[in-house]
Amino acid sequence: AVITAVASAFLDNVTTVLLIVPVTFSLVYELGLNPHPFIIAEILSSNIGGTATLIGDPPNIMIGSATHLEFLDFIINLAPVVVVIFAVTIFLLWLIYRKQLVAEDHLKEKIKALDAASQIKDPVLLRRSLIVLGLTILGFFLHGALGLETATIALSGAVLLLLITREEVEEVLLNIEWPTIFFFIGLFVVVGGLEKVGIIEELARASLEITKGNILATGTLILWFSALASSIVDNIPFVATLIPLIKEIGHLGGIVNLDPLWWSLALGACLGGNGTLVGAAANVITAGLAERNGAPLSFIGFFKVAFPLMLVSIAISQVYLLIFFLR
């Protein structure tokens, strides 16, 4: 879970679970354990860890692109509460599943005897890839000082790795998720249309009528509404709609500093994905991997454990926001 959370802070959540989950199944089957506690922990950890940084989850990337907020802003303002939420979540999962986490001693020794290094097919390429990844992450930390967009740094890292690996460009282009890219293009066109025809402004006015322009009420509404909505529908189109809505709320309500509302949206949208098995792409991917490995994860079974834990994480976020931002 710790590896998943840390990796998700710097890699896409889907990439993280695709790397970690198959390894998890191999280990738990060797240990003769039920894989579900570990798989659920990894799903929750991927979404929690991704909340901590600008690049960890698509909602944060979208918020960062639409505002003045930089990579370090996300880490400074979100990482502390993410660490607390992660610790509480893992502790509660341990309380729930502690009787299912005990393996026999002879099976533990069998795992210790495994030689992980022998499974690496190209150690040289691995080292080079890790160096490029490290440089890219360093670039994210320094992008404000360098005057570069995070997208520019990410693409530069990709080009550098492409040159190092000497892969055919055509082959790489074929493996790009073009449907996802065009989905985003279409999504932003639709949201732009909603802005132009005045629907976003009307929604902002309705929100202000509910909250009376109070920053505490507005932030609380955004946090809980985005969490509950993101547990039911994909958080990407939801966040794409709320970004111009929050800007309009700030304009109409005379709210100069919108940062508390951005943090409310980031926490609600990212953590809300833990509520159900369809709340985030990583959840769906992991469920598919679980079924493929003979341990299908049911919607209700996941919901019974994950939804209450999601509510706990949002409650912790609410307290954190009240103390540091919504005053």
C-alpha atoms as a PDB file:
ATOM      1  CA  ALA A   1       0.000   0.000   0.000  1.00  0.00           C
ATOM      2  CA  VAL A   2       2.846   2.386   0.828  1.00  0.00           C
ATOM      3  CA  ILE A   3       4.572   1.683  -2.495  1.00  0.00           C
ATOM      4  CA  THR A   4       1.272   2.182  -4.340  1.00  0.00           C
ATOM      5  CA  ALA A   5       0.561   5.502  -2.606  1.00  0.00           C
ATOM      6  CA  VAL A   6       4.048   6.912  -3.203  1.00  0.00           C
ATOM      7  CA  ALA A   7       4.139   5.724  -6.819  1.00  0.00           C
ATOM      8  CA  SER A   8       0.678   7.181  -7.479  1.00  0.00           C
ATOM      9  CA  ALA A   9       1.892  10.591  -6.353  1.00  0.00           C
ATOM     10  CA  PHE A  10       4.332  10.697  -9.269  1.00  0.00           C
ATOM     11  CA  LEU A  11       2.821   8.285 -11.803  1.00  0.00           C
ATOM     12  CA  ASP A  12      -0.636   7.925 -13.285  1.00  0.00           C
ATOM     13  CA  ASN A  13      -2.865   5.823 -10.999  1.00  0.00           C
ATOM     14  CA  VAL A  14      -3.697   3.380 -13.787  1.00  0.00           C
ATOM     15  CA  THR A  15      -0.003   2.861 -14.552  1.00  0.00           C
ATOM     16  CA  THR A  16       0.678   2.261 -10.865  1.00  0.00           C
ATOM     17  CA  VAL A  17      -1.976  -0.418 -10.391  1.00  0.00           C
ATOM     18  CA  LEU A  18      -1.003  -2.109 -13.660  1.00  0.00           C
ATOM     19  CA  LEU A  19       2.522  -2.447 -12.258  1.00  0.00           C
ATOM     20  CA  ILE A  20       1.695  -3.319  -8.641  1.00  0.00           C
ATOM     21  CA  VAL A  21      -1.462  -5.462  -8.763  1.00  0.00           C
ATOM     22  CA  PRO A  22      -0.069  -8.399 -10.829  1.00  0.00           C
ATOM     23  CA  VAL A  23       2.904  -8.606  -8.442  1.00  0.00           C
ATOM     24  CA  THR A  24       0.499  -8.570  -5.501  1.00  0.00           C
ATOM     25  CA  PHE A  25      -1.459 -11.516  -6.863  1.00  0.00           C
ATOM     26  CA  SER A  26       1.726 -13.518  -7.370  1.00  0.00           C
ATOM     27  CA  LEU A  27       2.828 -12.886  -3.781  1.00  0.00           C
ATOM     28  CA  VAL A  28      -0.499 -13.452  -2.003  1.00  0.00           C
ATOM     29  CA  TYR A  29      -1.145 -16.700  -3.863  1.00  0.00           C
ATOM     30  CA  GLU A  30       2.340 -17.898  -2.879  1.00  0.00           C
ATOM     31  CA  LEU A  31       1.484 -16.997   0.729  1.00  0.00           C
ATOM     32  CA  GLY A  32      -1.927 -18.682   0.542  1.00  0.00           C
ATOM     33  CA  LEU A  33      -3.790 -15.501   1.494  1.00  0.00           C
ATOM     34  CA  ASN A  34      -7.038 -13.896   0.353  1.00  0.00           C
ATOM     35  CA  PRO A  35      -6.039 -11.227  -2.212  1.00  0.00           C
ATOM     36  CA  HIS A  36      -9.041  -8.943  -1.614  1.00  0.00           C
ATOM     37  CA  PRO A  37      -7.692  -7.052   1.448  1.00  0.00           C
ATOM     38  CA  PHE A  38      -4.487  -6.274  -0.433  1.00  0.00           C
ATOM     39  CA  ILE A  39      -6.252  -5.305  -3.665  1.00  0.00           C
ATOM     40  CA  ILE A  40      -8.706  -3.011  -1.866  1.00  0.00           C
ATOM     41  CA  ALA A  41      -5.797  -1.409   0.012  1.00  0.00           C
ATOM     42  CA  GLU A  42      -4.000  -0.764  -3.272  1.00  0.00           C
ATOM     43  CA  ILE A  43      -7.060   0.793  -4.918  1.00  0.00           C
ATOM     44  CA  LEU A  44      -7.590   3.146  -1.981  1.00  0.00           C
ATOM     45  CA  SER A  45      -3.866   3.916  -1.726  1.00  0.00           C
ATOM     46  CA  SER A  46      -3.567   4.765  -5.419  1.00  0.00           C
ATOM     47  CA  ASN A  47      -6.311   7.378  -5.198  1.00  0.00           C
ATOM     48  CA  ILE A  48      -5.113   8.759  -1.859  1.00  0.00           C
ATOM     49  CA  GLY A  49      -1.485   8.996  -2.990  1.00  0.00           C
ATOM     50  CA  GLY A  50      -2.466  10.615  -6.271  1.00  0.00           C
ATOM     51  CA  THR A  51      -4.154  13.429  -4.353  1.00  0.00           C
ATOM     52  CA  ALA A  52      -0.840  14.710  -2.963  1.00  0.00           C
ATOM     53  CA  THR A  53       0.721  16.156  -6.123  1.00  0.00           C
ATOM     54  CA  LEU A  54      -0.159  18.116  -9.233  1.00  0.00           C
ATOM     55  CA  ILE A  55       0.595  15.130 -11.493  1.00  0.00           C
ATOM     56  CA  GLY A  56      -0.827  12.385  -9.273  1.00  0.00           C
ATOM     57  CA  ASP A  57      -4.422  12.453 -10.506  1.00  0.00           C
ATOM     58  CA  PRO A  58      -6.139  13.965 -13.584  1.00  0.00           C
ATOM     59  CA  PRO A  59      -8.307  16.372 -11.497  1.00  0.00           C
ATOM     60  CA  ASN A  60      -5.156  17.909 -10.003  1.00  0.00           C
ATOM     61  CA  ILE A  61      -3.557  18.246 -13.435  1.00  0.00           C
ATOM     62  CA  MET A  62      -6.688  20.016 -14.675  1.00  0.00           C
ATOM     63  CA  ILE A  63      -6.822  22.324 -11.641  1.00  0.00           C
ATOM     64  CA  GLY A  64      -3.135  23.171 -11.988  1.00  0.00           C
ATOM     65  CA  SER A  65      -3.507  23.913 -15.696  1.00  0.00           C
ATOM     66  CA  ALA A  66      -6.468  26.229 -15.086  1.00  0.00           C
ATOM     67  CA  THR A  67      -4.952  28.177 -12.182  1.00  0.00           C
ATOM     68  CA  HIS A  68      -1.734  29.746 -10.901  1.00  0.00           C
ATOM     69  CA  LEU A  69      -1.057  26.748  -8.632  1.00  0.00           C
ATOM     70  CA  GLU A  70       2.296  25.015  -9.113  1.00  0.00           C
ATOM     71  CA  PHE A  71       3.731  21.584  -8.299  1.00  0.00           C
ATOM     72  CA  LEU A  72       5.091  22.635  -4.900  1.00  0.00           C
ATOM     73  CA  ASP A  73       1.783  24.314  -3.993  1.00  0.00           C
ATOM     74  CA  PHE A  74       0.020  20.956  -4.226  1.00  0.00           C
ATOM     75  CA  ILE A  75       2.658  19.161  -2.158  1.00  0.00           C
ATOM     76  CA  ILE A  76       2.791  21.853   0.548  1.00  0.00           C
ATOM     77  CA  ASN A  77      -0.994  22.183   0.869  1.00  0.00           C
ATOM     78  CA  LEU A  78      -2.240  18.645   0.188  1.00  0.00           C
ATOM     79  CA  ALA A  79       0.546  16.224   1.135  1.00  0.00           C
ATOM     80  CA  PRO A  80       0.171  16.730   4.936  1.00  0.00           C
ATOM     81  CA  VAL A  81      -3.509  15.798   5.005  1.00  0.00           C
ATOM     82  CA  VAL A  82      -2.931  12.998   2.484  1.00  0.00           C
ATOM     83  CA  VAL A  83      -0.351  11.410   4.818  1.00  0.00           C
ATOM     84  CA  VAL A  84      -2.852  11.527   7.700  1.00  0.00           C
ATOM     85  CA  ILE A  85      -5.667  10.099   5.560  1.00  0.00           C
ATOM     86  CA  PHE A  86      -3.414   7.317   4.279  1.00  0.00           C
ATOM     87  CA  ALA A  87      -2.319   6.348   7.802  1.00  0.00           C
ATOM     88  CA  VAL A  88      -5.905   6.314   9.111  1.00  0.00           C
ATOM     89  CA  THR A  89      -7.157   4.330   6.095  1.00  0.00           C
ATOM     90  CA  ILE A  90      -4.460   1.656   6.403  1.00  0.00           C
ATOM     91  CA  PHE A  91      -5.067   1.368  10.156  1.00  0.00           C
ATOM     92  CA  LEU A  92      -8.820   0.903   9.619  1.00  0.00           C
ATOM     93  CA  LEU A  93      -8.181  -1.656   6.867  1.00  0.00           C
ATOM     94  CA  TRP A  94      -5.889  -3.535   9.248  1.00  0.00           C
ATOM     95  CA  LEU A  95      -8.652  -3.568  11.883  1.00  0.00           C
ATOM     96  CA  ILE A  96     -11.118  -4.932   9.328  1.00  0.00           C
ATOM     97  CA  TYR A  97      -8.875  -7.596   7.785  1.00  0.00           C
ATOM     98  CA  ARG A  98      -6.245  -8.327  10.466  1.00  0.00           C
ATOM     99  CA  LYS A  99      -7.306 -11.986  10.824  1.00  0.00           C
ATOM    100  CA  GLN A 100      -6.809 -12.544   7.074  1.00  0.00           C
ATOM    101  CA  LEU A 101      -3.273 -11.135   6.923  1.00  0.00           C
ATOM    102  CA  VAL A 102      -1.389 -13.934   8.696  1.00  0.00           C
ATOM    103  CA  ALA A 103       0.654 -16.325   6.530  1.00  0.00           C
ATOM    104  CA  GLU A 104       2.358 -19.554   7.554  1.00  0.00           C
ATOM    105  CA  ASP A 105       6.074 -19.323   8.330  1.00  0.00           C
ATOM    106  CA  HIS A 106       7.227 -21.804   5.689  1.00  0.00           C
ATOM    107  CA  LEU A 107       5.416 -19.807   2.986  1.00  0.00           C
ATOM    108  CA  LYS A 108       7.085 -16.594   4.175  1.00  0.00           C
ATOM    109  CA  GLU A 109      10.480 -18.269   3.815  1.00  0.00           C
ATOM    110  CA  LYS A 110       9.560 -19.302   0.281  1.00  0.00           C
ATOM    111  CA  ILE A 111       8.889 -15.664  -0.633  1.00  0.00           C
ATOM    112  CA  LYS A 112      12.153 -14.519   0.958  1.00  0.00           C
ATOM    113  CA  ALA A 113      14.037 -17.008  -1.222  1.00  0.00           C
ATOM    114  CA  LEU A 114      12.778 -15.415  -4.452  1.00  0.00           C
ATOM    115  CA  ASP A 115      15.392 -13.568  -6.524  1.00  0.00           C
ATOM    116  CA  ALA A 116      13.712 -10.400  -7.797  1.00  0.00           C
ATOM    117  CA  ALA A 117      16.778  -9.265  -9.751  1.00  0.00           C
ATOM    118  CA  SER A 118      16.594 -12.330 -11.988  1.00  0.00           C
ATOM    119  CA  GLN A 119      13.214 -11.149 -13.301  1.00  0.00           C
ATOM    120  CA  ILE A 120      14.657  -7.923 -14.765  1.00  0.00           C
ATOM    121  CA  LYS A 121      15.188  -8.468 -18.488  1.00  0.00           C
ATOM    122  CA  ASP A 122      17.200  -5.310 -19.262  1.00  0.00           C
ATOM    123  CA  PRO A 123      18.953  -3.826 -16.182  1.00  0.00           C
ATOM    124  CA  VAL A 124      20.725  -1.132 -18.238  1.00  0.00           C
ATOM    125  CA  LEU A 125      17.471   0.150 -19.728  1.00  0.00           C
ATOM    126  CA  LEU A 126      15.859   0.037 -16.283  1.00  0.00           C
ATOM    127  CA  ARG A 127      18.594   2.246 -14.814  1.00  0.00           C
ATOM    128  CA  ARG A 128      18.372   4.708 -17.707  1.00  0.00           C
ATOM    129  CA  SER A 129      14.585   4.854 -17.430  1.00  0.00           C
ATOM    130  CA  LEU A 130      14.779   5.526 -13.689  1.00  0.00           C
ATOM    131  CA  ILE A 131      17.288   8.337 -14.291  1.00  0.00           C
ATOM    132  CA  VAL A 132      14.947   9.956 -16.843  1.00  0.00           C
ATOM    133  CA  LEU A 133      12.011   9.531 -14.457  1.00  0.00           C
ATOM    134  CA  GLY A 134      14.033  11.153 -11.667  1.00  0.00           C
ATOM    135  CA  LEU A 135      14.988  14.090 -13.895  1.00  0.00           C
ATOM    136  CA  THR A 136      11.361  14.516 -14.961  1.00  0.00           C
ATOM    137  CA  ILE A 137      10.136  14.570 -11.351  1.00  0.00           C
ATOM    138  CA  LEU A 138      12.899  17.062 -10.482  1.00  0.00           C
ATOM    139  CA  GLY A 139      11.677  19.181 -13.397  1.00  0.00           C
ATOM    140  CA  PHE A 140       8.155  19.139 -11.929  1.00  0.00           C
ATOM    141  CA  PHE A 141       9.522  20.503  -8.647  1.00  0.00           C
ATOM    142  CA  LEU A 142      11.432  23.261 -10.452  1.00  0.00           C
ATOM    143  CA  HIS A 143       8.985  24.075 -13.257  1.00  0.00           C
ATOM    144  CA  GLY A 144       7.991  27.392 -11.658  1.00  0.00           C
ATOM    145  CA  ALA A 145      11.605  28.558 -11.398  1.00  0.00           C
ATOM    146  CA  LEU A 146      12.344  27.269 -14.901  1.00  0.00           C
ATOM    147  CA  GLY A 147       9.301  29.017 -16.361  1.00  0.00           C
ATOM    148  CA  LEU A 148       8.098  25.807 -18.014  1.00  0.00           C
ATOM    149  CA  GLU A 149       4.693  24.147 -18.034  1.00  0.00           C
ATOM    150  CA  THR A 150       4.492  20.685 -16.461  1.00  0.00           C
ATOM    151  CA  ALA A 151       3.291  19.369 -19.834  1.00  0.00           C
ATOM    152  CA  THR A 152       6.505  20.626 -21.470  1.00  0.00           C
ATOM    153  CA  ILE A 153       8.617  18.858 -18.849  1.00  0.00           C
ATOM    154  CA  ALA A 154       6.651  15.606 -19.185  1.00  0.00           C
ATOM    155  CA  LEU A 155       6.954  15.639 -22.986  1.00  0.00           C
ATOM    156  CA  SER A 156      10.675  16.419 -22.733  1.00  0.00           C
ATOM    157  CA  GLY A 157      11.134  13.381 -20.495  1.00  0.00           C
ATOM    158  CA  ALA A 158       9.193  11.234 -22.947  1.00  0.00           C
ATOM    159  CA  VAL A 159      11.286  12.416 -25.907  1.00  0.00           C
ATOM    160  CA  LEU A 160      14.533  11.823 -23.980  1.00  0.00           C
ATOM    161  CA  LEU A 161      13.450   8.295 -23.079  1.00  0.00           C
ATOM    162  CA  LEU A 162      12.430   7.693 -26.691  1.00  0.00           C
ATOM    163  CA  LEU A 163      15.926   8.692 -27.834  1.00  0.00           C
ATOM    164  CA  ILE A 164      17.591   6.513 -25.198  1.00  0.00           C
ATOM    165  CA  THR A 165      15.545   3.403 -25.969  1.00  0.00           C
ATOM    166  CA  ARG A 166      15.774   3.974 -29.739  1.00  0.00           C
ATOM    167  CA  GLU A 167      12.216   2.807 -30.199  1.00  0.00           C
ATOM    168  CA  GLU A 168      10.552   3.336 -33.556  1.00  0.00           C
ATOM    169  CA  VAL A 169       8.470   6.520 -33.403  1.00  0.00           C
ATOM    170  CA  GLU A 170       5.651   4.899 -35.371  1.00  0.00           C
ATOM    171  CA  GLU A 171       5.410   2.071 -32.841  1.00  0.00           C
ATOM    172  CA  VAL A 172       5.287   4.517 -29.934  1.00  0.00           C
ATOM    173  CA  LEU A 173       2.604   6.628 -31.615  1.00  0.00           C
ATOM    174  CA  LEU A 174       0.479   3.521 -32.140  1.00  0.00           C
ATOM    175  CA  ASN A 175       0.551   2.835 -28.385  1.00  0.00           C
ATOM    176  CA  ILE A 176      -0.601   6.332 -27.370  1.00  0.00           C
ATOM    177  CA  GLU A 177      -4.124   6.457 -25.932  1.00  0.00           C
ATOM    178  CA  TRP A 178      -5.536   8.614 -28.739  1.00  0.00           C
ATOM    179  CA  PRO A 179      -9.191   7.989 -27.736  1.00  0.00           C
ATOM    180  CA  THR A 180      -8.428   9.448 -24.284  1.00  0.00           C
ATOM    181  CA  ILE A 181      -6.764  12.523 -25.794  1.00  0.00           C
ATOM    182  CA  PHE A 182      -9.698  13.167 -28.128  1.00  0.00           C
ATOM    183  CA  PHE A 183     -12.088  12.565 -25.225  1.00  0.00           C
ATOM    184  CA  PHE A 184     -10.419  15.439 -23.348  1.00  0.00           C
ATOM    185  CA  ILE A 185     -10.527  17.655 -26.434  1.00  0.00           C
ATOM    186  CA  GLY A 186     -14.253  17.017 -26.866  1.00  0.00           C
ATOM    187  CA  LEU A 187     -14.900  17.432 -23.147  1.00  0.00           C
ATOM    188  CA  PHE A 188     -13.271  20.865 -22.998  1.00  0.00           C
ATOM    189  CA  VAL A 189     -15.183  21.937 -26.112  1.00  0.00           C
ATOM    190  CA  VAL A 190     -18.472  20.972 -24.422  1.00  0.00           C
ATOM    191  CA  VAL A 191     -17.548  22.773 -21.178  1.00  0.00           C
ATOM    192  CA  GLY A 192     -16.493  25.835 -23.185  1.00  0.00           C
ATOM    193  CA  GLY A 193     -19.903  25.767 -24.857  1.00  0.00           C
ATOM    194  CA  LEU A 194     -21.618  25.658 -21.458  1.00  0.00           C
ATOM    195  CA  GLU A 195     -19.639  28.747 -20.447  1.00  0.00           C
ATOM    196  CA  LYS A 196     -20.538  30.654 -23.618  1.00  0.00           C
ATOM    197  CA  VAL A 197     -24.282  30.037 -23.358  1.00  0.00           C
ATOM    198  CA  GLY A 198     -24.362  31.121 -19.690  1.00  0.00           C
ATOM    199  CA  ILE A 199     -25.157  27.804 -18.007  1.00  0.00           C
ATOM    200  CA  ILE A 200     -21.991  27.940 -15.869  1.00  0.00           C
ATOM    201  CA  GLU A 201     -22.906  31.457 -14.711  1.00  0.00           C
ATOM    202  CA  GLU A 202     -26.416  30.349 -13.734  1.00  0.00           C
ATOM    203  CA  LEU A 203     -25.021  27.410 -11.765  1.00  0.00           C
ATOM    204  CA  ALA A 204     -22.614  29.790 -10.010  1.00  0.00           C
ATOM    205  CA  ARG A 205     -25.486  32.111  -9.070  1.00  0.00           C
ATOM    206  CA  ALA A 206     -27.478  29.156  -7.709  1.00  0.00           C
ATOM    207  CA  SER A 207     -24.475  28.044  -5.639  1.00  0.00           C
ATOM    208  CA  LEU A 208     -24.049  31.549  -4.228  1.00  0.00           C
ATOM    209  CA  GLU A 209     -27.725  31.621  -3.242  1.00  0.00           C
ATOM    210  CA  ILE A 210     -27.159  28.452  -1.208  1.00  0.00           C
ATOM    211  CA  THR A 211     -23.894  29.538   0.426  1.00  0.00           C
ATOM    212  CA  LYS A 212     -24.531  33.323   0.520  1.00  0.00           C
ATOM    213  CA  GLY A 213     -20.967  33.792  -0.726  1.00  0.00           C
ATOM    214  CA  ASN A 214     -19.525  32.469   2.538  1.00  0.00           C
ATOM    215  CA  ILE A 215     -16.106  30.861   1.899  1.00  0.00           C
ATOM    216  CA  LEU A 216     -16.650  28.197   4.596  1.00  0.00           C
ATOM    217  CA  ALA A 217     -20.048  27.154   3.244  1.00  0.00           C
ATOM    218  CA  THR A 218     -18.847  27.264  -0.371  1.00  0.00           C
ATOM    219  CA  GLY A 219     -15.735  25.174   0.329  1.00  0.00           C
ATOM    220  CA  THR A 220     -17.730  22.640   2.339  1.00  0.00           C
ATOM    221  CA  LEU A 221     -20.329  22.338  -0.420  1.00  0.00           C
ATOM    222  CA  ILE A 222     -17.648  21.810  -3.074  1.00  0.00           C
ATOM    223  CA  LEU A 223     -15.771  19.231  -0.953  1.00  0.00           C
ATOM    224  CA  TRP A 224     -18.739  16.997  -0.129  1.00  0.00           C
ATOM    225  CA  PHE A 225     -20.602  17.427  -3.404  1.00  0.00           C
ATOM    226  CA  SER A 226     -17.509  16.619  -5.469  1.00  0.00           C
ATOM    227  CA  ALA A 227     -16.712  13.601  -3.256  1.00  0.00           C
ATOM    228  CA  LEU A 228     -20.178  12.093  -3.555  1.00  0.00           C
ATOM    229  CA  ALA A 229     -20.429  12.882  -7.271  1.00  0.00           C
ATOM    230  CA  SER A 230     -16.961  11.474  -8.013  1.00  0.00           C
ATOM    231  CA  SER A 231     -17.852   8.196  -6.330  1.00  0.00           C
ATOM    232  CA  ILE A 232     -20.682   7.724  -8.827  1.00  0.00           C
ATOM    233  CA  VAL A 233     -19.417   9.299 -12.052  1.00  0.00           C
ATOM    234  CA  ASP A 234     -15.919   9.722 -13.457  1.00  0.00           C
ATOM    235  CA  ASN A 235     -14.273  12.709 -11.790  1.00  0.00           C
ATOM    236  CA  ILE A 236     -12.663  14.075 -14.974  1.00  0.00           C
ATOM    237  CA  PRO A 237     -15.783  15.519 -16.687  1.00  0.00           C
ATOM    238  CA  PHE A 238     -17.078  16.570 -13.270  1.00  0.00           C
ATOM    239  CA  VAL A 239     -13.933  18.583 -12.486  1.00  0.00           C
ATOM    240  CA  ALA A 240     -13.870  20.008 -16.014  1.00  0.00           C
ATOM    241  CA  THR A 241     -17.316  21.469 -15.308  1.00  0.00           C
ATOM    242  CA  LEU A 242     -16.531  22.710 -11.798  1.00  0.00           C
ATOM    243  CA  ILE A 243     -13.336  24.592 -12.698  1.00  0.00           C
ATOM    244  CA  PRO A 244     -15.123  27.373 -14.652  1.00  0.00           C
ATOM    245  CA  LEU A 245     -17.957  27.203 -12.106  1.00  0.00           C
ATOM    246  CA  ILE A 246     -15.575  27.997  -9.222  1.00  0.00           C
ATOM    247  CA  LYS A 247     -14.006  30.827 -11.224  1.00  0.00           C
ATOM    248  CA  GLU A 248     -17.471  32.265 -11.838  1.00  0.00           C
ATOM    249  CA  ILE A 249     -18.367  31.889  -8.144  1.00  0.00           C
ATOM    250  CA  GLY A 250     -15.240  33.884  -7.295  1.00  0.00           C
ATOM    251  CA  HIS A 251     -16.137  36.554  -9.843  1.00  0.00           C
ATOM    252  CA  LEU A 252     -19.784  36.921  -8.818  1.00  0.00           C
ATOM    253  CA  GLY A 253     -19.178  36.523  -5.080  1.00  0.00           C
ATOM    254  CA  GLY A 254     -16.175  38.810  -4.937  1.00  0.00           C
ATOM    255  CA  ILE A 255     -13.949  36.045  -3.544  1.00  0.00           C
ATOM    256  CA  VAL A 256     -10.378  37.172  -4.240  1.00  0.00           C
ATOM    257  CA  ASN A 257      -8.482  34.122  -2.965  1.00  0.00           C
ATOM    258  CA  LEU A 258      -9.920  30.980  -4.543  1.00  0.00           C
ATOM    259  CA  ASP A 259      -7.181  28.640  -3.289  1.00  0.00           C
ATOM    260  CA  PRO A 260      -9.342  27.148  -0.477  1.00  0.00           C
ATOM    261  CA  LEU A 261     -11.972  26.228  -3.066  1.00  0.00           C
ATOM    262  CA  TRP A 262      -9.372  24.612  -5.358  1.00  0.00           C
ATOM    263  CA  TRP A 263      -8.088  22.494  -2.456  1.00  0.00           C
ATOM    264  CA  SER A 264     -11.675  21.540  -1.599  1.00  0.00           C
ATOM    265  CA  LEU A 265     -12.261  20.437  -5.181  1.00  0.00           C
ATOM    266  CA  ALA A 266      -8.977  18.508  -5.393  1.00  0.00           C
ATOM    267  CA  LEU A 267      -9.589  16.613  -2.150  1.00  0.00           C
ATOM    268  CA  GLY A 268     -13.234  15.900  -2.901  1.00  0.00           C
ATOM    269  CA  ALA A 269     -12.761  14.779  -6.503  1.00  0.00           C
ATOM    270  CA  CYS A 270      -9.647  12.654  -5.925  1.00  0.00           C
ATOM    271  CA  LEU A 271     -10.680  11.004  -2.650  1.00  0.00           C
ATOM    272  CA  GLY A 272     -14.292  10.601  -3.742  1.00  0.00           C
ATOM    273  CA  GLY A 273     -13.106   8.123  -6.365  1.00  0.00           C
ATOM    274  CA  ASN A 274     -12.561   5.638  -3.527  1.00  0.00           C
ATOM    275  CA  GLY A 275     -16.293   5.437  -2.822  1.00  0.00           C
ATOM    276  CA  THR A 276     -17.251   2.821  -5.392  1.00  0.00           C
ATOM    277  CA  LEU A 277     -15.680   0.417  -7.847  1.00  0.00           C
ATOM    278  CA  VAL A 278     -16.521   2.778 -10.737  1.00  0.00           C
ATOM    279  CA  GLY A 279     -15.338   5.963  -9.015  1.00  0.00           C
ATOM    280  CA  ALA A 280     -11.934   6.056 -10.715  1.00  0.00           C
ATOM    281  CA  ALA A 281     -10.210   4.451 -13.683  1.00  0.00           C
ATOM    282  CA  ALA A 282      -7.710   2.693 -11.387  1.00  0.00           C
ATOM    283  CA  ASN A 283     -10.617   1.009  -9.571  1.00  0.00           C
ATOM    284  CA  VAL A 284     -12.072  -0.378 -12.789  1.00  0.00           C
ATOM    285  CA  ILE A 285      -8.678  -1.551 -14.067  1.00  0.00           C
ATOM    286  CA  THR A 286      -7.896  -3.299 -10.778  1.00  0.00           C
ATOM    287  CA  ALA A 287     -11.302  -4.989 -10.743  1.00  0.00           C
ATOM    288  CA  GLY A 288     -10.573  -6.329 -14.238  1.00  0.00           C
ATOM    289  CA  LEU A 289      -7.162  -7.620 -13.139  1.00  0.00           C
ATOM    290  CA  ALA A 290      -8.747  -9.262 -10.094  1.00  0.00           C
ATOM    291  CA  GLU A 291     -11.282 -11.095 -12.241  1.00  0.00           C
ATOM    292  CA  ARG A 292      -8.531 -12.193 -14.637  1.00  0.00           C
ATOM    293  CA  ASN A 293      -6.584 -13.615 -11.693  1.00  0.00           C
ATOM    294  CA  GLY A 294      -9.499 -15.631 -10.363  1.00  0.00           C
ATOM    295  CA  ALA A 295     -10.500 -13.314  -7.504  1.00  0.00           C
ATOM    296  CA  PRO A 296     -13.371 -11.138  -8.801  1.00  0.00           C
ATOM    297  CA  LEU A 297     -14.114  -8.074  -6.694  1.00  0.00           C
ATOM    298  CA  SER A 298     -17.853  -7.418  -6.386  1.00  0.00           C
ATOM    299  CA  PHE A 299     -19.316  -3.906  -6.496  1.00  0.00           C
ATOM    300  CA  ILE A 300     -21.200  -4.369  -3.199  1.00  0.00           C
ATOM    301  CA  GLY A 301     -18.262  -6.052  -1.477  1.00  0.00           C
ATOM    302  CA  PHE A 302     -15.987  -3.154  -2.349  1.00  0.00           C
ATOM    303  CA  PHE A 303     -18.655  -0.556  -1.512  1.00  0.00           C
ATOM    304  CA  LYS A 304     -19.198  -1.910   2.019  1.00  0.00           C
ATOM    305  CA  VAL A 305     -15.538  -1.373   2.876  1.00  0.00           C
ATOM    306  CA  ALA A 306     -14.490   1.531   0.669  1.00  0.00           C
ATOM    307  CA  PHE A 307     -17.438   3.934   0.924  1.00  0.00           C
ATOM    308  CA  PRO A 308     -17.262   4.357   4.733  1.00  0.00           C
ATOM    309  CA  LEU A 309     -13.484   4.802   4.470  1.00  0.00           C
ATOM    310  CA  MET A 310     -14.016   7.421   1.772  1.00  0.00           C
ATOM    311  CA  LEU A 311     -16.397   9.306   4.084  1.00  0.00           C
ATOM    312  CA  VAL A 312     -13.772   9.173   6.845  1.00  0.00           C
ATOM    313  CA  SER A 313     -11.170  10.623   4.470  1.00  0.00           C
ATOM    314  CA  ILE A 314     -13.513  13.463   3.472  1.00  0.00           C
ATOM    315  CA  ALA A 315     -14.294  14.169   7.133  1.00  0.00           C
ATOM    316  CA  ILE A 316     -10.548  14.437   7.843  1.00  0.00           C
ATOM    317  CA  SER A 317     -10.219  16.732   4.815  1.00  0.00           C
ATOM    318  CA  GLN A 318     -13.046  18.896   6.151  1.00  0.00           C
ATOM    319  CA  VAL A 319     -11.286  19.339   9.497  1.00  0.00           C
ATOM    320  CA  TYR A 320      -7.995  20.118   7.734  1.00  0.00           C
ATOM    321  CA  LEU A 321      -9.634  22.705   5.474  1.00  0.00           C
ATOM    322  CA  LEU A 322     -11.448  24.301   8.426  1.00  0.00           C
ATOM    323  CA  ILE A 323      -8.209  24.686  10.379  1.00  0.00           C
ATOM    324  CA  PHE A 324      -5.966  25.984   7.605  1.00  0.00           C
ATOM    325  CA  PHE A 325      -8.093  27.432   4.780  1.00  0.00           C
ATOM    326  CA  LEU A 326     -11.843  27.864   5.307  1.00  0.00           C
ATOM    327  CA  ARG A 327     -11.692  30.566   7.986  1.00  0.00           C
END
